[in-house]
Amino acid sequence: MFGKKLTDKQIKEIRDAAIGISNSEEAWNKLAPLIKAQASNEVAADALINVIRNGHLTIDQSLNLLSEIFEAHKNNDDIAILIGNAMSAGRNLDYLNDPPPTHPMFTQIIKRLHDMALIANDEKTEALIVEGLSSTARLMARQHDEIAEKSYTRLVELLPDASWAHYNQGLFFKTRGRFAEGVKANQKAIELADEPGDSELWNLGICATGSGQGEIALQIWKKIGQKIEMGRFNLPEGGYPSCKVRLAQYPLAERDADHDDPGLEETIWIERLSPCHGIIRSVLYYDLGIDYGDVILIDGAPITYHKYGDKQIAVFPHLATIRKNHYQFFDFAGTQSAEGELGDISEHLEKDAVIYSHTENFSILCSACWHNAAIDHEHKKSEEKHVVTGRIAVPPGIDPKDILDKIDNILKDTPETRVFSPDLCRAAGLADRARIEEQRFKLLMNSVN
């Protein structure tokens, strides 16, 4: 169809047609003439970058095509600037705590833009350069934070009246756990905006919560129509349904360049206190350094949704840990005559102590199933379990012996329902009982493993 050199009009028609296609493979096929022509046609390269920047291709397609364009236009500063501002298409931003991407395009464009910024001779061009440099460096987890921070600082110096420049700087501060600085940046963005959008308001609310500025957070949540007042931990609290969080052992905000990986991750339930923070209400299976009862900060955009019957439960990324409450934890193994029987004992324990069955509440999913919002997690449970293992969580300040006595009293008339926790016995000062329970504990553990 396009045997001759593509005209600018034809390039625009192909670009617009691809943008209107929802399927990335079909969009890729539609772009074939531009992909073929881009090496010798700057207008075609520009059009392709535009399609990529607007999210119409997959991550792999985007990065590979950007690499081809970059290679073909190595000495073209304008193309390098455009690529820098399209690099967000090369990462799934929902996965806030992912390790830095390994595709070489990221480091290549950071080096290219950094070199360009050093010799930029006019402020308009420099602003375009550092805009792409700052955002691309931010996408590299904690690997290039110095470049990112200097670039964001320079951007707001060059464009002091641009709301979006201050917002982007605030986004950087938020994801790095520098919440007080994020408050100031987002306040400036809101001050300069003709009409502040949800993004500016939410990021200000999140940063205010993370920095312990509860009154500022409360003002923001009320401004966007939340029914909320000051509550526990001197932070806003309202009546929100429980939700899930993908916890990271090392969230992005708590890492550095030398240790830039999320470590272990586990998806848990929280008692959601505000739009952006809550109390962990799952007893963790893995050791992530935080656990049941701790207070965490979450980001505003869900990663995905998990279906439970007719309910869609949002799953948020873990932004940072606000407060550790130092609960006591004791492994247990037990028997029960019906599903959930041991867990139900928790209702009769002091404060929010809990007997948490991992046998019934913990499962390992493949990545595809975890992300699939159509899978009904309510019906993924297996057959009823009569031997269960897990952990007992006890609030600080409560004597383990009091919890042990309470459990014994509840189970005294139900011989078929038993809890064996040698760790709890030892903490209660009952060494002889701990030795006896150790044998039964091991037998039950072996039977389920």
Protein backbone atom coordinates (compact mmCIF):
# COMPACT_ATOMS: atom_id res chain seq x y z
CA MET A 1 0.00 0.00 0.00
CA PHE A 2 2.82 2.39 0.89
CA GLY A 3 5.42 1.47 -1.69
CA LYS A 4 6.68 5.04 -1.91
CA LYS A 5 7.91 7.28 0.86
CA LEU A 6 5.19 7.88 3.42
CA THR A 7 3.71 11.35 3.49
CA ASP A 8 3.16 13.15 6.78
CA LYS A 9 -0.58 12.76 6.22
CA GLN A 10 -0.27 8.99 5.78
CA ILE A 11 1.87 8.76 8.92
CA LYS A 12 -0.76 10.63 10.91
CA GLU A 13 -3.53 8.39 9.55
CA ILE A 14 -1.66 5.23 10.55
CA ARG A 15 -0.84 6.64 13.99
CA ASP A 16 -4.45 7.67 14.64
CA ALA A 17 -5.74 4.29 13.45
CA ALA A 18 -3.34 2.44 15.79
CA ILE A 19 -4.36 4.62 18.72
CA GLY A 20 -7.97 3.63 18.09
CA ILE A 21 -7.18 -0.11 18.34
CA SER A 22 -7.46 -1.67 21.81
CA ASN A 23 -5.61 -4.90 20.99
CA SER A 24 -1.85 -4.36 21.17
CA GLU A 25 -1.04 -7.01 18.55
CA GLU A 26 -3.47 -5.49 16.08
CA ALA A 27 -2.07 -2.04 16.84
CA TRP A 28 1.45 -3.37 16.24
CA ASN A 29 0.43 -4.78 12.87
CA LYS A 30 -1.21 -1.49 11.91
CA LEU A 31 2.05 0.32 12.74
CA ALA A 32 4.15 -1.95 10.49
CA PRO A 33 4.65 0.69 7.75
CA LEU A 34 5.85 3.22 10.32
CA ILE A 35 8.17 0.69 11.98
CA LYS A 36 9.68 -0.08 8.59
CA ALA A 37 10.10 3.58 7.72
CA GLN A 38 11.20 5.08 11.04
CA ALA A 39 14.96 4.61 10.60
CA SER A 40 14.99 7.13 7.77
CA ASN A 41 11.88 9.12 8.66
CA GLU A 42 11.90 11.27 11.78
CA VAL A 43 8.17 11.99 11.49
CA ALA A 44 7.42 8.26 11.54
CA ALA A 45 9.68 7.82 14.58
CA ASP A 46 7.89 10.68 16.33
CA ALA A 47 4.51 9.10 15.59
CA LEU A 48 5.62 5.73 16.96
CA ILE A 49 6.89 7.31 20.17
CA ASN A 50 3.54 9.05 20.54
CA VAL A 51 1.69 5.73 20.29
CA ILE A 52 4.05 4.16 22.83
CA ARG A 53 3.80 7.05 25.29
CA ASN A 54 0.02 6.76 25.30
CA GLY A 55 0.15 3.09 26.31
CA HIS A 56 -1.13 1.35 23.19
CA LEU A 57 1.58 -1.33 23.08
CA THR A 58 2.81 -3.93 25.55
CA ILE A 59 5.84 -3.25 27.72
CA ASP A 60 8.05 -5.55 25.62
CA GLN A 61 6.81 -4.05 22.36
CA SER A 62 7.36 -0.55 23.70
CA LEU A 63 10.91 -1.12 24.94
CA ASN A 64 12.05 -3.03 21.87
CA LEU A 65 10.62 -0.43 19.52
CA LEU A 66 12.08 2.46 21.51
CA SER A 67 15.46 0.72 21.32
CA GLU A 68 15.18 0.44 17.53
CA ILE A 69 14.24 4.10 17.25
CA PHE A 70 17.04 5.18 19.60
CA GLU A 71 19.60 3.14 17.67
CA ALA A 72 18.45 4.60 14.35
CA HIS A 73 18.51 8.20 15.61
CA LYS A 74 21.48 8.17 17.98
CA ASN A 75 22.54 11.71 17.18
CA ASN A 76 19.06 13.22 17.19
CA ASP A 77 18.53 15.16 20.41
CA ASP A 78 14.84 15.75 19.73
CA ILE A 79 14.17 12.02 19.40
CA ALA A 80 16.13 11.32 22.60
CA ILE A 81 13.96 13.84 24.47
CA LEU A 82 10.77 12.27 23.13
CA ILE A 83 11.97 8.79 24.11
CA GLY A 84 12.77 10.00 27.63
CA ASN A 85 9.21 11.20 28.05
CA ALA A 86 7.82 7.87 26.80
CA MET A 87 9.83 5.53 29.05
CA SER A 88 6.98 5.10 31.56
CA ALA A 89 5.43 2.78 28.96
CA GLY A 90 8.33 0.43 29.66
CA ARG A 91 7.27 -0.36 33.23
CA ASN A 92 4.13 -1.63 34.91
CA LEU A 93 3.71 1.24 37.35
CA ASP A 94 1.09 -0.68 39.34
CA TYR A 95 3.93 -2.81 40.75
CA LEU A 96 5.42 0.01 42.79
CA ASN A 97 7.91 -2.21 44.63
CA ASP A 98 9.35 -4.11 41.68
CA PRO A 99 13.15 -4.25 41.34
CA PRO A 100 14.72 -1.91 38.78
CA PRO A 101 14.02 -2.88 35.17
CA THR A 102 16.85 -4.65 33.40
CA HIS A 103 16.19 -3.54 29.82
CA PRO A 104 19.24 -1.56 28.62
CA MET A 105 17.04 1.17 27.14
CA PHE A 106 16.60 2.72 30.58
CA THR A 107 20.30 3.20 31.32
CA GLN A 108 21.01 4.23 27.72
CA ILE A 109 18.46 7.04 27.69
CA ILE A 110 19.44 8.19 31.20
CA LYS A 111 23.07 8.53 30.10
CA ARG A 112 22.10 10.27 26.86
CA LEU A 113 19.80 12.79 28.53
CA HIS A 114 22.22 13.37 31.41
CA ASP A 115 24.98 14.24 28.93
CA MET A 116 22.59 16.53 27.05
CA ALA A 117 21.52 18.31 30.25
CA LEU A 118 25.13 19.16 31.10
CA ILE A 119 25.59 21.14 27.89
CA ALA A 120 22.07 22.52 27.33
CA ASN A 121 22.38 26.17 26.29
CA ASP A 122 18.81 27.38 26.66
CA GLU A 123 16.30 26.88 29.45
CA LYS A 124 13.41 25.72 27.25
CA THR A 125 15.45 22.84 25.86
CA GLU A 126 16.92 22.06 29.27
CA ALA A 127 13.42 21.79 30.76
CA LEU A 128 12.43 19.26 28.10
CA ILE A 129 15.59 17.26 28.78
CA VAL A 130 15.32 17.14 32.57
CA GLU A 131 11.62 16.30 32.39
CA GLY A 132 12.40 13.04 30.60
CA LEU A 133 15.57 12.46 32.63
CA SER A 134 13.81 12.85 35.98
CA SER A 135 10.94 10.52 35.13
CA THR A 136 13.17 7.84 33.57
CA ALA A 137 15.57 7.91 36.52
CA ARG A 138 12.59 7.57 38.90
CA LEU A 139 11.46 4.46 37.02
CA MET A 140 14.79 2.76 37.80
CA ALA A 141 13.80 2.08 41.44
CA ARG A 142 16.60 3.45 43.69
CA GLN A 143 19.43 3.09 41.15
CA HIS A 144 19.56 6.70 39.96
CA ASP A 145 17.96 8.68 42.77
CA GLU A 146 20.66 11.36 42.77
CA ILE A 147 20.06 12.08 39.10
CA ALA A 148 16.29 11.97 39.58
CA GLU A 149 16.31 14.34 42.54
CA LYS A 150 18.64 16.85 40.91
CA SER A 151 16.55 16.75 37.74
CA TYR A 152 13.28 17.33 39.59
CA THR A 153 14.89 20.19 41.52
CA ARG A 154 16.16 21.75 38.32
CA LEU A 155 12.79 21.30 36.62
CA VAL A 156 10.92 23.31 39.27
CA GLU A 157 13.66 25.96 39.10
CA LEU A 158 13.15 26.24 35.35
CA LEU A 159 9.35 26.04 35.55
CA PRO A 160 8.44 27.48 38.97
CA ASP A 161 4.87 28.26 37.93
CA ALA A 162 4.12 24.85 36.37
CA SER A 163 1.86 22.86 38.67
CA TRP A 164 2.75 19.57 36.99
CA ALA A 165 6.48 20.06 37.65
CA HIS A 166 5.88 20.36 41.40
CA TYR A 167 3.46 17.42 41.27
CA ASN A 168 6.08 15.22 39.60
CA GLN A 169 8.63 16.19 42.23
CA GLY A 170 6.07 15.31 44.91
CA LEU A 171 5.53 11.93 43.27
CA PHE A 172 9.25 11.25 43.52
CA PHE A 173 9.31 12.24 47.21
CA LYS A 174 6.28 10.04 47.94
CA THR A 175 7.75 6.91 46.40
CA ARG A 176 11.04 7.49 48.25
CA GLY A 177 9.36 7.78 51.65
CA ARG A 178 10.22 11.48 51.94
CA PHE A 179 6.68 12.34 52.89
CA ALA A 180 7.21 15.75 54.53
CA GLU A 181 8.91 17.00 51.36
CA GLY A 182 6.11 15.41 49.35
CA VAL A 183 3.58 17.44 51.32
CA LYS A 184 5.31 20.70 50.40
CA ALA A 185 5.67 19.77 46.72
CA ASN A 186 2.04 18.73 46.39
CA GLN A 187 0.82 21.80 48.27
CA LYS A 188 2.71 23.93 45.75
CA ALA A 189 1.25 21.95 42.85
CA ILE A 190 -2.27 22.50 44.21
CA GLU A 191 -1.60 26.20 44.80
CA LEU A 192 -0.51 26.67 41.18
CA ALA A 193 -3.23 24.55 39.57
CA ASP A 194 -6.27 26.26 38.09
CA GLU A 195 -8.32 23.39 39.45
CA PRO A 196 -6.45 20.69 41.42
CA GLY A 197 -7.06 17.19 40.16
CA ASP A 198 -7.57 14.01 42.15
CA SER A 199 -3.93 13.01 41.69
CA GLU A 200 -2.58 16.11 43.44
CA LEU A 201 -5.09 15.85 46.27
CA TRP A 202 -4.57 12.12 46.81
CA ASN A 203 -0.79 12.39 46.80
CA LEU A 204 -0.97 15.24 49.31
CA GLY A 205 -3.25 13.15 51.53
CA ILE A 206 -0.91 10.16 51.30
CA CYS A 207 2.22 12.20 52.03
CA ALA A 208 0.51 13.98 54.93
CA THR A 209 -0.49 10.62 56.41
CA GLY A 210 2.99 9.18 55.89
CA SER A 211 4.62 12.17 57.59
CA GLY A 212 2.19 12.12 60.53
CA GLN A 213 0.51 15.40 59.56
CA GLY A 214 -2.95 14.13 60.36
CA GLU A 215 -4.75 17.47 60.25
CA ILE A 216 -3.56 18.18 56.71
CA ALA A 217 -4.58 14.68 55.62
CA LEU A 218 -7.99 15.12 57.26
CA GLN A 219 -8.59 18.38 55.39
CA ILE A 220 -7.78 16.71 52.08
CA TRP A 221 -9.98 13.65 52.65
CA LYS A 222 -12.88 15.86 53.69
CA LYS A 223 -12.32 18.03 50.63
CA ILE A 224 -12.81 15.05 48.32
CA GLY A 225 -15.96 13.99 50.16
CA GLN A 226 -14.71 11.30 52.54
CA LYS A 227 -16.67 10.72 55.76
CA ILE A 228 -13.74 10.73 58.13
CA GLU A 229 -12.49 12.21 61.42
CA MET A 230 -9.32 12.05 63.49
CA GLY A 231 -8.80 8.61 64.98
CA ARG A 232 -6.12 6.22 66.16
CA PHE A 233 -2.42 7.09 65.85
CA ASN A 234 -3.35 10.80 65.47
CA LEU A 235 -4.38 10.11 61.88
CA PRO A 236 -7.71 10.33 60.06
CA GLU A 237 -10.01 7.33 60.42
CA GLY A 238 -13.32 6.46 58.77
CA GLY A 239 -15.54 3.47 58.14
CA TYR A 240 -13.84 1.72 55.24
CA PRO A 241 -14.27 -1.91 54.17
CA SER A 242 -11.29 -4.21 54.59
CA CYS A 243 -9.01 -4.52 51.59
CA LYS A 244 -5.88 -6.39 50.55
CA VAL A 245 -2.29 -5.22 50.22
CA ARG A 246 0.69 -6.72 48.43
CA LEU A 247 3.23 -6.37 51.23
CA ALA A 248 6.93 -6.15 50.43
CA GLN A 249 9.75 -7.09 52.77
CA TYR A 250 11.58 -4.06 51.38
CA PRO A 251 9.17 -1.53 49.85
CA LEU A 252 10.67 0.95 47.43
CA ALA A 253 10.45 3.78 49.97
CA GLU A 254 12.65 1.85 52.42
CA ARG A 255 15.43 0.71 50.04
CA ASP A 256 18.67 2.10 48.65
CA ALA A 257 20.73 1.57 45.50
CA ASP A 258 22.77 -1.28 47.00
CA HIS A 259 19.73 -3.21 48.22
CA ASP A 260 17.11 -2.53 45.58
CA ASP A 261 14.80 -5.52 45.57
CA PRO A 262 11.43 -6.05 47.29
CA GLY A 263 12.54 -9.32 48.84
CA LEU A 264 9.68 -11.54 49.94
CA GLU A 265 6.14 -10.44 49.11
CA GLU A 266 2.85 -11.58 50.61
CA THR A 267 -0.72 -10.44 49.95
CA ILE A 268 -2.61 -9.79 53.17
CA TRP A 269 -5.78 -8.23 54.56
CA ILE A 270 -5.83 -4.90 56.35
CA GLU A 271 -8.37 -3.07 58.47
CA ARG A 272 -8.51 0.04 56.31
CA LEU A 273 -8.61 3.17 58.45
CA SER A 274 -8.38 5.83 55.75
CA PRO A 275 -7.96 6.00 51.98
CA CYS A 276 -4.24 5.30 52.41
CA HIS A 277 -3.46 3.48 55.66
CA GLY A 278 -4.59 0.55 57.74
CA ILE A 279 -3.74 -2.16 60.27
CA ILE A 280 -2.49 -5.57 59.10
CA ARG A 281 -5.12 -8.18 59.99
CA SER A 282 -3.44 -11.27 58.56
CA VAL A 283 -0.77 -13.10 60.52
CA LEU A 284 2.01 -13.41 58.00
CA TYR A 285 3.34 -16.72 56.73
CA TYR A 286 6.74 -15.31 55.77
CA ASP A 287 9.05 -13.10 57.84
CA LEU A 288 8.79 -9.71 56.15
CA GLY A 289 9.81 -7.65 59.16
CA ILE A 290 6.24 -6.46 59.68
CA ASP A 291 3.23 -8.46 60.78
CA TYR A 292 -0.23 -8.55 62.29
CA GLY A 293 -1.14 -5.36 64.14
CA ASP A 294 1.39 -3.13 62.38
CA VAL A 295 0.18 0.02 60.62
CA ILE A 296 1.09 0.49 56.96
CA LEU A 297 0.74 3.16 54.30
CA ILE A 298 -0.70 2.13 50.93
CA ASP A 299 -0.66 3.88 47.58
CA GLY A 300 -3.88 5.16 46.08
CA ALA A 301 -4.21 3.08 42.90
CA PRO A 302 -5.04 -0.65 43.20
CA ILE A 303 -2.76 -3.15 41.46
CA THR A 304 -5.70 -5.43 40.72
CA TYR A 305 -8.91 -6.75 42.28
CA HIS A 306 -9.57 -10.13 43.90
CA LYS A 307 -13.06 -11.53 43.56
CA TYR A 308 -14.82 -13.03 46.60
CA GLY A 309 -18.29 -14.16 45.57
CA ASP A 310 -20.03 -11.04 44.29
CA LYS A 311 -17.48 -8.66 45.86
CA GLN A 312 -14.43 -7.16 44.18
CA ILE A 313 -11.71 -6.49 46.76
CA ALA A 314 -9.05 -3.95 45.82
CA VAL A 315 -5.40 -5.01 46.21
CA PHE A 316 -3.13 -2.03 46.88
CA PRO A 317 0.68 -1.69 46.82
CA HIS A 318 2.55 -1.32 50.11
CA LEU A 319 4.11 2.13 50.25
CA ALA A 320 5.73 2.21 53.71
CA THR A 321 5.38 1.13 57.32
CA ILE A 322 3.95 3.82 59.61
CA ARG A 323 4.10 2.06 62.95
CA LYS A 324 5.23 -1.30 64.33
CA ASN A 325 3.17 -2.46 67.30
CA HIS A 326 5.46 -5.34 68.31
CA TYR A 327 2.94 -8.14 68.77
CA GLN A 328 4.09 -11.46 70.20
CA PHE A 329 3.89 -14.48 67.88
CA PHE A 330 3.76 -18.20 68.67
CA ASP A 331 3.64 -21.10 66.21
CA PHE A 332 0.87 -23.63 66.79
CA ALA A 333 -0.55 -26.85 65.43
CA GLY A 334 -4.04 -27.98 66.30
CA THR A 335 -7.04 -30.16 65.62
CA GLN A 336 -10.63 -29.11 65.01
CA SER A 337 -13.92 -30.82 64.25
CA ALA A 338 -15.12 -28.22 61.74
CA GLU A 339 -13.65 -25.64 59.40
CA GLY A 340 -12.62 -22.39 61.09
CA GLU A 341 -13.25 -23.70 64.60
CA LEU A 342 -9.85 -22.75 66.01
CA GLY A 343 -9.93 -19.36 64.34
CA ASP A 344 -13.33 -18.66 65.90
CA ILE A 345 -11.72 -18.87 69.35
CA SER A 346 -10.14 -15.49 68.58
CA GLU A 347 -13.46 -13.77 69.29
CA HIS A 348 -13.12 -14.75 72.96
CA LEU A 349 -9.48 -13.72 73.43
CA GLU A 350 -8.31 -10.44 74.93
CA LYS A 351 -8.16 -7.33 72.76
CA ASP A 352 -7.28 -8.41 69.22
CA ALA A 353 -5.27 -11.54 69.97
CA VAL A 354 -5.89 -14.08 67.22
CA ILE A 355 -5.37 -17.74 66.43
CA TYR A 356 -4.58 -17.61 62.71
CA SER A 357 -4.67 -20.79 60.63
CA HIS A 358 -2.30 -20.67 57.68
CA THR A 359 -3.63 -24.05 56.61
CA GLU A 360 -6.98 -22.42 55.86
CA ASN A 361 -5.97 -18.86 55.03
CA PHE A 362 -2.69 -19.07 53.15
CA SER A 363 -2.21 -20.21 49.56
CA ILE A 364 0.37 -19.73 46.83
CA LEU A 365 -0.87 -18.48 43.46
CA CYS A 366 0.92 -18.17 40.15
CA SER A 367 1.34 -14.61 38.87
CA ALA A 368 -1.44 -14.96 36.30
CA CYS A 369 -3.98 -16.22 38.84
CA TRP A 370 -2.96 -13.59 41.38
CA HIS A 371 -3.54 -10.80 38.88
CA ASN A 372 -6.74 -12.24 37.36
CA ALA A 373 -9.70 -10.24 38.68
CA ALA A 374 -12.16 -12.85 37.36
CA ILE A 375 -11.00 -15.76 39.56
CA ASP A 376 -13.29 -16.31 42.56
CA HIS A 377 -10.94 -16.60 45.56
CA GLU A 378 -13.90 -17.47 47.78
CA HIS A 379 -14.20 -20.82 46.02
CA LYS A 380 -10.50 -21.66 45.72
CA LYS A 381 -10.45 -23.27 49.16
CA SER A 382 -9.79 -26.98 49.24
CA GLU A 383 -11.46 -29.63 51.36
CA GLU A 384 -12.22 -29.06 55.03
CA LYS A 385 -9.12 -29.30 57.22
CA HIS A 386 -9.21 -30.98 60.63
CA VAL A 387 -5.49 -30.57 61.33
CA VAL A 388 -4.30 -26.99 60.97
CA THR A 389 -1.12 -25.04 61.60
CA GLY A 390 -0.44 -21.36 61.94
CA ARG A 391 0.54 -18.68 64.42
CA ILE A 392 -1.01 -17.07 67.47
CA ALA A 393 -0.69 -13.27 67.64
CA VAL A 394 -0.81 -11.60 71.06
CA PRO A 395 -0.78 -7.82 71.59
CA PRO A 396 2.18 -6.36 73.51
CA GLY A 397 1.54 -5.96 77.21
CA ILE A 398 -0.63 -9.07 77.47
CA ASP A 399 0.87 -11.95 79.44
CA PRO A 400 1.16 -15.07 77.26
CA LYS A 401 -0.04 -17.13 80.24
CA ASP A 402 -3.31 -15.20 80.25
CA ILE A 403 -3.87 -16.12 76.60
CA LEU A 404 -2.91 -19.75 77.23
CA ASP A 405 -5.30 -19.96 80.19
CA LYS A 406 -8.07 -18.44 78.10
CA ILE A 407 -7.55 -20.96 75.29
CA ASP A 408 -7.50 -23.84 77.79
CA ASN A 409 -10.73 -22.63 79.35
CA ILE A 410 -12.49 -22.32 75.99
CA LEU A 411 -11.41 -25.80 74.87
CA LYS A 412 -11.83 -27.67 78.17
CA ASP A 413 -15.08 -29.35 77.09
CA THR A 414 -14.07 -30.09 73.48
CA PRO A 415 -11.39 -32.80 73.54
CA GLU A 416 -11.44 -33.13 69.75
CA THR A 417 -10.40 -29.47 69.41
CA ARG A 418 -6.87 -28.81 70.67
CA VAL A 419 -4.12 -26.22 70.30
CA PHE A 420 -0.48 -27.20 70.79
CA SER A 421 2.00 -24.32 71.02
CA PRO A 422 5.25 -25.13 72.80
CA ASP A 423 6.46 -21.56 72.13
CA LEU A 424 3.43 -20.13 73.94
CA CYS A 425 3.96 -22.54 76.83
CA ARG A 426 7.58 -21.50 77.20
CA ALA A 427 6.63 -17.82 77.11
CA ALA A 428 4.07 -18.56 79.84
CA GLY A 429 6.82 -20.10 82.00
CA LEU A 430 5.54 -23.70 81.63
CA ALA A 431 8.67 -25.58 80.57
CA ASP A 432 7.34 -29.06 81.39
CA ARG A 433 4.16 -28.52 79.42
CA ALA A 434 6.22 -27.11 76.54
CA ARG A 435 8.23 -30.36 76.31
CA ILE A 436 5.03 -32.42 76.14
CA GLU A 437 3.40 -30.14 73.58
CA GLU A 438 6.57 -30.13 71.49
CA GLN A 439 6.07 -33.82 70.66
CA ARG A 440 2.42 -33.37 69.70
CA PHE A 441 3.21 -30.19 67.79
CA LYS A 442 5.83 -31.99 65.69
CA LEU A 443 3.51 -34.92 64.98
CA LEU A 444 0.79 -32.62 63.69
CA MET A 445 3.25 -30.51 61.70
CA ASN A 446 4.60 -33.64 60.03
CA SER A 447 1.08 -34.81 59.20
CA VAL A 448 0.24 -31.64 57.26
CA ASN A 449 3.64 -31.27 55.63
